[in-house]
Amino acid sequence: MKTVQLREAKARLSALVEAAGNGKPTTITRHGKPAAAIVSVEELQKLYPVKRRNFGEFLLTYPGGIELERDASPSRDVDL
């Protein structure tokens, strides 16, 4: 993994982002200590997977709870 100082990273950000997209991550240092890293989105998603909820799970998170009552009246007649 390549290491660059923050000053150099600011000047070459576009090139570093392109390199990360090609699978070559870069560590950015500040005052000689690692401070950040530029990695591809694929690598980022491996480290921090995104859990997507379905619509039913989303509705169940409603803070007030949901109580639904079914209308017992018969449905309307339809002539086909």
PDB file of N, CA and C in Angstrom:
ATOM      1  N   MET A   1       0.843  -1.173   0.000  1.00  0.00           N
ATOM      2  CA  MET A   1       0.000   0.000   0.000  1.00  0.00           C
ATOM      3  C   MET A   1       0.890   1.238   0.000  1.00  0.00           C
ATOM      4  N   LYS A   2       0.576   2.159  -0.866  1.00  0.00           N
ATOM      5  CA  LYS A   2       1.353   3.391  -0.982  1.00  0.00           C
ATOM      6  C   LYS A   2       1.001   4.335   0.169  1.00  0.00           C
ATOM      7  N   THR A   3       1.989   5.118   0.609  1.00  0.00           N
ATOM      8  CA  THR A   3       1.792   6.101   1.672  1.00  0.00           C
ATOM      9  C   THR A   3       2.213   7.467   1.177  1.00  0.00           C
ATOM     10  N   VAL A   4       1.352   8.463   1.412  1.00  0.00           N
ATOM     11  CA  VAL A   4       1.669   9.840   1.023  1.00  0.00           C
ATOM     12  C   VAL A   4       1.308  10.780   2.168  1.00  0.00           C
ATOM     13  N   GLN A   5       1.979  11.934   2.195  1.00  0.00           N
ATOM     14  CA  GLN A   5       1.655  12.945   3.179  1.00  0.00           C
ATOM     15  C   GLN A   5       0.390  13.687   2.751  1.00  0.00           C
ATOM     16  N   LEU A   6      -0.286  14.279   3.704  1.00  0.00           N
ATOM     17  CA  LEU A   6      -1.538  14.978   3.439  1.00  0.00           C
ATOM     18  C   LEU A   6      -1.365  16.059   2.378  1.00  0.00           C
ATOM     19  N   ARG A   7      -0.292  16.790   2.442  1.00  0.00           N
ATOM     20  CA  ARG A   7      -0.027  17.861   1.471  1.00  0.00           C
ATOM     21  C   ARG A   7       0.025  17.306   0.054  1.00  0.00           C
ATOM     22  N   GLU A   8       0.722  16.175  -0.103  1.00  0.00           N
ATOM     23  CA  GLU A   8       0.825  15.548  -1.420  1.00  0.00           C
ATOM     24  C   GLU A   8      -0.527  14.978  -1.862  1.00  0.00           C
ATOM     25  N   ALA A   9      -1.284  14.427  -0.913  1.00  0.00           N
ATOM     26  CA  ALA A   9      -2.599  13.868  -1.246  1.00  0.00           C
ATOM     27  C   ALA A   9      -3.541  14.949  -1.751  1.00  0.00           C
ATOM     28  N   LYS A  10      -3.478  16.134  -1.166  1.00  0.00           N
ATOM     29  CA  LYS A  10      -4.319  17.245  -1.635  1.00  0.00           C
ATOM     30  C   LYS A  10      -3.981  17.601  -3.079  1.00  0.00           C
ATOM     31  N   ALA A  11      -2.696  17.594  -3.380  1.00  0.00           N
ATOM     32  CA  ALA A  11      -2.258  17.985  -4.720  1.00  0.00           C
ATOM     33  C   ALA A  11      -2.561  16.912  -5.764  1.00  0.00           C
ATOM     34  N   ARG A  12      -2.605  15.648  -5.352  1.00  0.00           N
ATOM     35  CA  ARG A  12      -2.763  14.549  -6.310  1.00  0.00           C
ATOM     36  C   ARG A  12      -4.028  13.738  -6.061  1.00  0.00           C
ATOM     37  N   LEU A  13      -5.061  14.349  -5.517  1.00  0.00           N
ATOM     38  CA  LEU A  13      -6.259  13.617  -5.128  1.00  0.00           C
ATOM     39  C   LEU A  13      -6.873  12.835  -6.287  1.00  0.00           C
ATOM     40  N   SER A  14      -7.006  13.440  -7.443  1.00  0.00           N
ATOM     41  CA  SER A  14      -7.613  12.749  -8.588  1.00  0.00           C
ATOM     42  C   SER A  14      -6.853  11.477  -8.945  1.00  0.00           C
ATOM     43  N   ALA A  15      -5.543  11.552  -8.949  1.00  0.00           N
ATOM     44  CA  ALA A  15      -4.722  10.380  -9.281  1.00  0.00           C
ATOM     45  C   ALA A  15      -4.850   9.303  -8.210  1.00  0.00           C
ATOM     46  N   LEU A  16      -4.932   9.712  -6.952  1.00  0.00           N
ATOM     47  CA  LEU A  16      -5.067   8.739  -5.866  1.00  0.00           C
ATOM     48  C   LEU A  16      -6.424   8.043  -5.918  1.00  0.00           C
ATOM     49  N   VAL A  17      -7.463   8.790  -6.237  1.00  0.00           N
ATOM     50  CA  VAL A  17      -8.801   8.195  -6.354  1.00  0.00           C
ATOM     51  C   VAL A  17      -8.829   7.208  -7.517  1.00  0.00           C
ATOM     52  N   GLU A  18      -8.233   7.573  -8.618  1.00  0.00           N
ATOM     53  CA  GLU A  18      -8.180   6.662  -9.769  1.00  0.00           C
ATOM     54  C   GLU A  18      -7.405   5.400  -9.422  1.00  0.00           C
ATOM     55  N   ALA A  19      -6.285   5.546  -8.714  1.00  0.00           N
ATOM     56  CA  ALA A  19      -5.488   4.379  -8.320  1.00  0.00           C
ATOM     57  C   ALA A  19      -6.290   3.480  -7.382  1.00  0.00           C
ATOM     58  N   ALA A  20      -7.032   4.065  -6.463  1.00  0.00           N
ATOM     59  CA  ALA A  20      -7.856   3.272  -5.546  1.00  0.00           C
ATOM     60  C   ALA A  20      -8.914   2.495  -6.319  1.00  0.00           C
ATOM     61  N   GLY A  21      -9.493   3.128  -7.317  1.00  0.00           N
ATOM     62  CA  GLY A  21     -10.468   2.448  -8.161  1.00  0.00           C
ATOM     63  C   GLY A  21      -9.869   1.287  -8.929  1.00  0.00           C
ATOM     64  N   ASN A  22      -8.569   1.338  -9.172  1.00  0.00           N
ATOM     65  CA  ASN A  22      -7.868   0.261  -9.875  1.00  0.00           C
ATOM     66  C   ASN A  22      -7.271  -0.759  -8.915  1.00  0.00           C
ATOM     67  N   GLY A  23      -7.655  -0.690  -7.631  1.00  0.00           N
ATOM     68  CA  GLY A  23      -7.191  -1.677  -6.662  1.00  0.00           C
ATOM     69  C   GLY A  23      -5.903  -1.343  -5.960  1.00  0.00           C
ATOM     70  N   LYS A  24      -5.471  -0.071  -6.002  1.00  0.00           N
ATOM     71  CA  LYS A  24      -4.234   0.332  -5.346  1.00  0.00           C
ATOM     72  C   LYS A  24      -4.550   1.362  -4.268  1.00  0.00           C
ATOM     73  N   PRO A  25      -4.833   0.908  -3.030  1.00  0.00           N
ATOM     74  CA  PRO A  25      -5.177   1.840  -1.954  1.00  0.00           C
ATOM     75  C   PRO A  25      -3.980   2.680  -1.523  1.00  0.00           C
ATOM     76  N   THR A  26      -4.255   3.796  -0.883  1.00  0.00           N
ATOM     77  CA  THR A  26      -3.218   4.716  -0.423  1.00  0.00           C
ATOM     78  C   THR A  26      -3.498   5.121   1.011  1.00  0.00           C
ATOM     79  N   THR A  27      -2.455   5.120   1.848  1.00  0.00           N
ATOM     80  CA  THR A  27      -2.559   5.621   3.210  1.00  0.00           C
ATOM     81  C   THR A  27      -2.092   7.073   3.221  1.00  0.00           C
ATOM     82  N   ILE A  28      -2.857   7.931   3.883  1.00  0.00           N
ATOM     83  CA  ILE A  28      -2.501   9.348   3.993  1.00  0.00           C
ATOM     84  C   ILE A  28      -2.032   9.604   5.415  1.00  0.00           C
ATOM     85  N   THR A  29      -0.857  10.240   5.530  1.00  0.00           N
ATOM     86  CA  THR A  29      -0.303  10.521   6.848  1.00  0.00           C
ATOM     87  C   THR A  29      -0.402  12.006   7.160  1.00  0.00           C
ATOM     88  N   ARG A  30      -0.521  12.280   8.449  1.00  0.00           N
ATOM     89  CA  ARG A  30      -0.496  13.661   8.941  1.00  0.00           C
ATOM     90  C   ARG A  30       0.530  13.692  10.070  1.00  0.00           C
ATOM     91  N   HIS A  31       1.525  14.531   9.922  1.00  0.00           N
ATOM     92  CA  HIS A  31       2.624  14.619  10.890  1.00  0.00           C
ATOM     93  C   HIS A  31       3.293  13.265  11.084  1.00  0.00           C
ATOM     94  N   GLY A  32       3.398  12.501   9.988  1.00  0.00           N
ATOM     95  CA  GLY A  32       4.097  11.225  10.020  1.00  0.00           C
ATOM     96  C   GLY A  32       3.288  10.047  10.539  1.00  0.00           C
ATOM     97  N   LYS A  33       2.041  10.278  10.955  1.00  0.00           N
ATOM     98  CA  LYS A  33       1.207   9.200  11.479  1.00  0.00           C
ATOM     99  C   LYS A  33       0.049   8.935  10.529  1.00  0.00           C
ATOM    100  N   PRO A  34      -0.309   7.671  10.313  1.00  0.00           N
ATOM    101  CA  PRO A  34      -1.445   7.360   9.431  1.00  0.00           C
ATOM    102  C   PRO A  34      -2.724   8.033   9.936  1.00  0.00           C
ATOM    103  N   ALA A  35      -3.412   8.727   9.032  1.00  0.00           N
ATOM    104  CA  ALA A  35      -4.620   9.454   9.406  1.00  0.00           C
ATOM    105  C   ALA A  35      -5.846   8.990   8.636  1.00  0.00           C
ATOM    106  N   ALA A  36      -5.661   8.536   7.405  1.00  0.00           N
ATOM    107  CA  ALA A  36      -6.785   8.131   6.568  1.00  0.00           C
ATOM    108  C   ALA A  36      -6.280   7.220   5.464  1.00  0.00           C
ATOM    109  N   ALA A  37      -7.245   6.660   4.741  1.00  0.00           N
ATOM    110  CA  ALA A  37      -6.886   5.808   3.608  1.00  0.00           C
ATOM    111  C   ALA A  37      -7.876   6.046   2.479  1.00  0.00           C
ATOM    112  N   ILE A  38      -7.388   5.914   1.274  1.00  0.00           N
ATOM    113  CA  ILE A  38      -8.247   5.992   0.096  1.00  0.00           C
ATOM    114  C   ILE A  38      -8.307   4.586  -0.477  1.00  0.00           C
ATOM    115  N   VAL A  39      -9.525   4.029  -0.490  1.00  0.00           N
ATOM    116  CA  VAL A  39      -9.734   2.681  -1.005  1.00  0.00           C
ATOM    117  C   VAL A  39     -10.899   2.700  -1.988  1.00  0.00           C
ATOM    118  N   SER A  40     -11.026   1.643  -2.762  1.00  0.00           N
ATOM    119  CA  SER A  40     -12.136   1.554  -3.711  1.00  0.00           C
ATOM    120  C   SER A  40     -13.445   1.339  -2.951  1.00  0.00           C
ATOM    121  N   VAL A  41     -14.546   1.619  -3.608  1.00  0.00           N
ATOM    122  CA  VAL A  41     -15.858   1.432  -3.002  1.00  0.00           C
ATOM    123  C   VAL A  41     -16.075  -0.049  -2.674  1.00  0.00           C
ATOM    124  N   GLU A  42     -15.583  -0.941  -3.517  1.00  0.00           N
ATOM    125  CA  GLU A  42     -15.735  -2.364  -3.269  1.00  0.00           C
ATOM    126  C   GLU A  42     -15.060  -2.764  -1.956  1.00  0.00           C
ATOM    127  N   GLU A  43     -13.851  -2.265  -1.728  1.00  0.00           N
ATOM    128  CA  GLU A  43     -13.149  -2.561  -0.480  1.00  0.00           C
ATOM    129  C   GLU A  43     -13.874  -1.949   0.714  1.00  0.00           C
ATOM    130  N   LEU A  44     -14.387  -0.752   0.545  1.00  0.00           N
ATOM    131  CA  LEU A  44     -15.123  -0.091   1.617  1.00  0.00           C
ATOM    132  C   LEU A  44     -16.351  -0.895   2.005  1.00  0.00           C
ATOM    133  N   GLN A  45     -17.081  -1.419   1.023  1.00  0.00           N
ATOM    134  CA  GLN A  45     -18.282  -2.199   1.302  1.00  0.00           C
ATOM    135  C   GLN A  45     -17.952  -3.521   1.970  1.00  0.00           C
ATOM    136  N   LYS A  46     -16.759  -4.049   1.757  1.00  0.00           N
ATOM    137  CA  LYS A  46     -16.339  -5.252   2.473  1.00  0.00           C
ATOM    138  C   LYS A  46     -16.131  -4.937   3.947  1.00  0.00           C
ATOM    139  N   LEU A  47     -15.560  -3.764   4.225  1.00  0.00           N
ATOM    140  CA  LEU A  47     -15.301  -3.360   5.604  1.00  0.00           C
ATOM    141  C   LEU A  47     -16.568  -2.921   6.327  1.00  0.00           C
ATOM    142  N   TYR A  48     -17.442  -2.215   5.615  1.00  0.00           N
ATOM    143  CA  TYR A  48     -18.673  -1.685   6.188  1.00  0.00           C
ATOM    144  C   TYR A  48     -19.858  -2.091   5.312  1.00  0.00           C
ATOM    145  N   PRO A  49     -20.321  -3.338   5.450  1.00  0.00           N
ATOM    146  CA  PRO A  49     -21.433  -3.772   4.598  1.00  0.00           C
ATOM    147  C   PRO A  49     -22.702  -2.981   4.894  1.00  0.00           C
ATOM    148  N   VAL A  50     -23.459  -2.719   3.863  1.00  0.00           N
ATOM    149  CA  VAL A  50     -24.704  -1.971   3.989  1.00  0.00           C
ATOM    150  C   VAL A  50     -25.839  -2.975   4.115  1.00  0.00           C
ATOM    151  N   LYS A  51     -26.560  -2.905   5.234  1.00  0.00           N
ATOM    152  CA  LYS A  51     -27.701  -3.798   5.416  1.00  0.00           C
ATOM    153  C   LYS A  51     -28.945  -3.046   4.955  1.00  0.00           C
ATOM    154  N   ARG A  52     -29.540  -3.549   3.909  1.00  0.00           N
ATOM    155  CA  ARG A  52     -30.753  -2.928   3.394  1.00  0.00           C
ATOM    156  C   ARG A  52     -31.960  -3.680   3.928  1.00  0.00           C
ATOM    157  N   ARG A  53     -32.876  -2.919   4.526  1.00  0.00           N
ATOM    158  CA  ARG A  53     -34.077  -3.524   5.061  1.00  0.00           C
ATOM    159  C   ARG A  53     -35.163  -3.543   4.007  1.00  0.00           C
ATOM    160  N   ASN A  54     -36.054  -4.525   4.116  1.00  0.00           N
ATOM    161  CA  ASN A  54     -37.183  -4.526   3.203  1.00  0.00           C
ATOM    162  C   ASN A  54     -38.267  -3.606   3.757  1.00  0.00           C
ATOM    163  N   PHE A  55     -39.304  -3.375   2.987  1.00  0.00           N
ATOM    164  CA  PHE A  55     -40.327  -2.410   3.366  1.00  0.00           C
ATOM    165  C   PHE A  55     -41.068  -2.842   4.635  1.00  0.00           C
ATOM    166  N   GLY A  56     -41.295  -4.135   4.792  1.00  0.00           N
ATOM    167  CA  GLY A  56     -41.967  -4.622   5.996  1.00  0.00           C
ATOM    168  C   GLY A  56     -41.159  -4.342   7.250  1.00  0.00           C
ATOM    169  N   GLU A  57     -39.843  -4.558   7.203  1.00  0.00           N
ATOM    170  CA  GLU A  57     -38.982  -4.261   8.345  1.00  0.00           C
ATOM    171  C   GLU A  57     -38.981  -2.773   8.647  1.00  0.00           C
ATOM    172  N   PHE A  58     -39.010  -1.962   7.601  1.00  0.00           N
ATOM    173  CA  PHE A  58     -39.056  -0.513   7.786  1.00  0.00           C
ATOM    174  C   PHE A  58     -40.327  -0.108   8.527  1.00  0.00           C
ATOM    175  N   LEU A  59     -41.463  -0.660   8.136  1.00  0.00           N
ATOM    176  CA  LEU A  59     -42.727  -0.317   8.788  1.00  0.00           C
ATOM    177  C   LEU A  59     -42.737  -0.739  10.253  1.00  0.00           C
ATOM    178  N   LEU A  60     -42.091  -1.849  10.559  1.00  0.00           N
ATOM    179  CA  LEU A  60     -42.062  -2.321  11.940  1.00  0.00           C
ATOM    180  C   LEU A  60     -41.222  -1.435  12.848  1.00  0.00           C
ATOM    181  N   THR A  61     -40.413  -0.564  12.294  1.00  0.00           N
ATOM    182  CA  THR A  61     -39.596   0.344  13.115  1.00  0.00           C
ATOM    183  C   THR A  61     -40.352   1.609  13.504  1.00  0.00           C
ATOM    184  N   TYR A  62     -41.596   1.736  13.079  1.00  0.00           N
ATOM    185  CA  TYR A  62     -42.398   2.920  13.425  1.00  0.00           C
ATOM    186  C   TYR A  62     -42.485   3.010  14.950  1.00  0.00           C
ATOM    187  N   PRO A  63     -42.116   4.139  15.548  1.00  0.00           N
ATOM    188  CA  PRO A  63     -42.010   4.213  17.005  1.00  0.00           C
ATOM    189  C   PRO A  63     -43.335   4.079  17.751  1.00  0.00           C
ATOM    190  N   GLY A  64     -44.444   4.457  17.134  1.00  0.00           N
ATOM    191  CA  GLY A  64     -45.720   4.400  17.838  1.00  0.00           C
ATOM    192  C   GLY A  64     -46.417   3.068  17.717  1.00  0.00           C
ATOM    193  N   GLY A  65     -45.860   2.163  16.953  1.00  0.00           N
ATOM    194  CA  GLY A  65     -46.522   0.890  16.728  1.00  0.00           C
ATOM    195  C   GLY A  65     -47.670   1.074  15.740  1.00  0.00           C
ATOM    196  N   ILE A  66     -48.089   0.014  15.157  1.00  0.00           N
ATOM    197  CA  ILE A  66     -49.161   0.095  14.170  1.00  0.00           C
ATOM    198  C   ILE A  66     -50.215  -0.946  14.536  1.00  0.00           C
ATOM    199  N   GLU A  67     -51.430  -0.484  14.704  1.00  0.00           N
ATOM    200  CA  GLU A  67     -52.536  -1.399  14.932  1.00  0.00           C
ATOM    201  C   GLU A  67     -53.544  -1.160  13.824  1.00  0.00           C
ATOM    202  N   LEU A  68     -53.723  -2.166  13.012  1.00  0.00           N
ATOM    203  CA  LEU A  68     -54.640  -2.054  11.887  1.00  0.00           C
ATOM    204  C   LEU A  68     -55.842  -2.954  12.143  1.00  0.00           C
ATOM    205  N   GLU A  69     -57.013  -2.446  11.798  1.00  0.00           N
ATOM    206  CA  GLU A  69     -58.220  -3.245  11.901  1.00  0.00           C
ATOM    207  C   GLU A  69     -58.747  -3.486  10.505  1.00  0.00           C
ATOM    208  N   ARG A  70     -59.141  -4.706  10.270  1.00  0.00           N
ATOM    209  CA  ARG A  70     -59.679  -5.054   8.962  1.00  0.00           C
ATOM    210  C   ARG A  70     -61.156  -4.691   8.919  1.00  0.00           C
ATOM    211  N   ASP A  71     -61.553  -4.096   7.804  1.00  0.00           N
ATOM    212  CA  ASP A  71     -62.958  -3.742   7.590  1.00  0.00           C
ATOM    213  C   ASP A  71     -63.702  -5.036   7.244  1.00  0.00           C
ATOM    214  N   ALA A  72     -64.642  -5.409   8.110  1.00  0.00           N
ATOM    215  CA  ALA A  72     -65.344  -6.670   7.934  1.00  0.00           C
ATOM    216  C   ALA A  72     -66.527  -6.564   6.966  1.00  0.00           C
ATOM    217  N   SER A  73     -66.845  -5.368   6.509  1.00  0.00           N
ATOM    218  CA  SER A  73     -67.987  -5.224   5.591  1.00  0.00           C
ATOM    219  C   SER A  73     -67.671  -5.890   4.267  1.00  0.00           C
ATOM    220  N   PRO A  74     -68.691  -6.452   3.621  1.00  0.00           N
ATOM    221  CA  PRO A  74     -68.444  -7.141   2.357  1.00  0.00           C
ATOM    222  C   PRO A  74     -67.990  -6.151   1.274  1.00  0.00           C
ATOM    223  N   SER A  75     -67.211  -6.672   0.362  1.00  0.00           N
ATOM    224  CA  SER A  75     -66.738  -5.816  -0.725  1.00  0.00           C
ATOM    225  C   SER A  75     -67.889  -5.550  -1.697  1.00  0.00           C
ATOM    226  N   ARG A  76     -67.701  -4.608  -2.556  1.00  0.00           N
ATOM    227  CA  ARG A  76     -68.776  -4.242  -3.486  1.00  0.00           C
ATOM    228  C   ARG A  76     -68.931  -5.302  -4.557  1.00  0.00           C
ATOM    229  N   ASP A  77     -70.126  -5.369  -5.143  1.00  0.00           N
ATOM    230  CA  ASP A  77     -70.392  -6.297  -6.229  1.00  0.00           C
ATOM    231  C   ASP A  77     -69.877  -5.710  -7.534  1.00  0.00           C
ATOM    232  N   VAL A  78     -69.312  -6.566  -8.340  1.00  0.00           N
ATOM    233  CA  VAL A  78     -68.794  -6.130  -9.631  1.00  0.00           C
ATOM    234  C   VAL A  78     -69.430  -6.993 -10.713  1.00  0.00           C
ATOM    235  N   ASP A  79     -69.984  -6.336 -11.731  1.00  0.00           N
ATOM    236  CA  ASP A  79     -70.552  -7.066 -12.862  1.00  0.00           C
ATOM    237  C   ASP A  79     -69.458  -7.214 -13.923  1.00  0.00           C
ATOM    238  N   LEU A  80     -69.161  -8.425 -14.275  1.00  0.00           N
ATOM    239  CA  LEU A  80     -68.144  -8.667 -15.297  1.00  0.00           C
ATOM    240  C   LEU A  80     -68.767  -9.073 -16.595  1.00  0.00           C
TER     241      LEU A  80
END
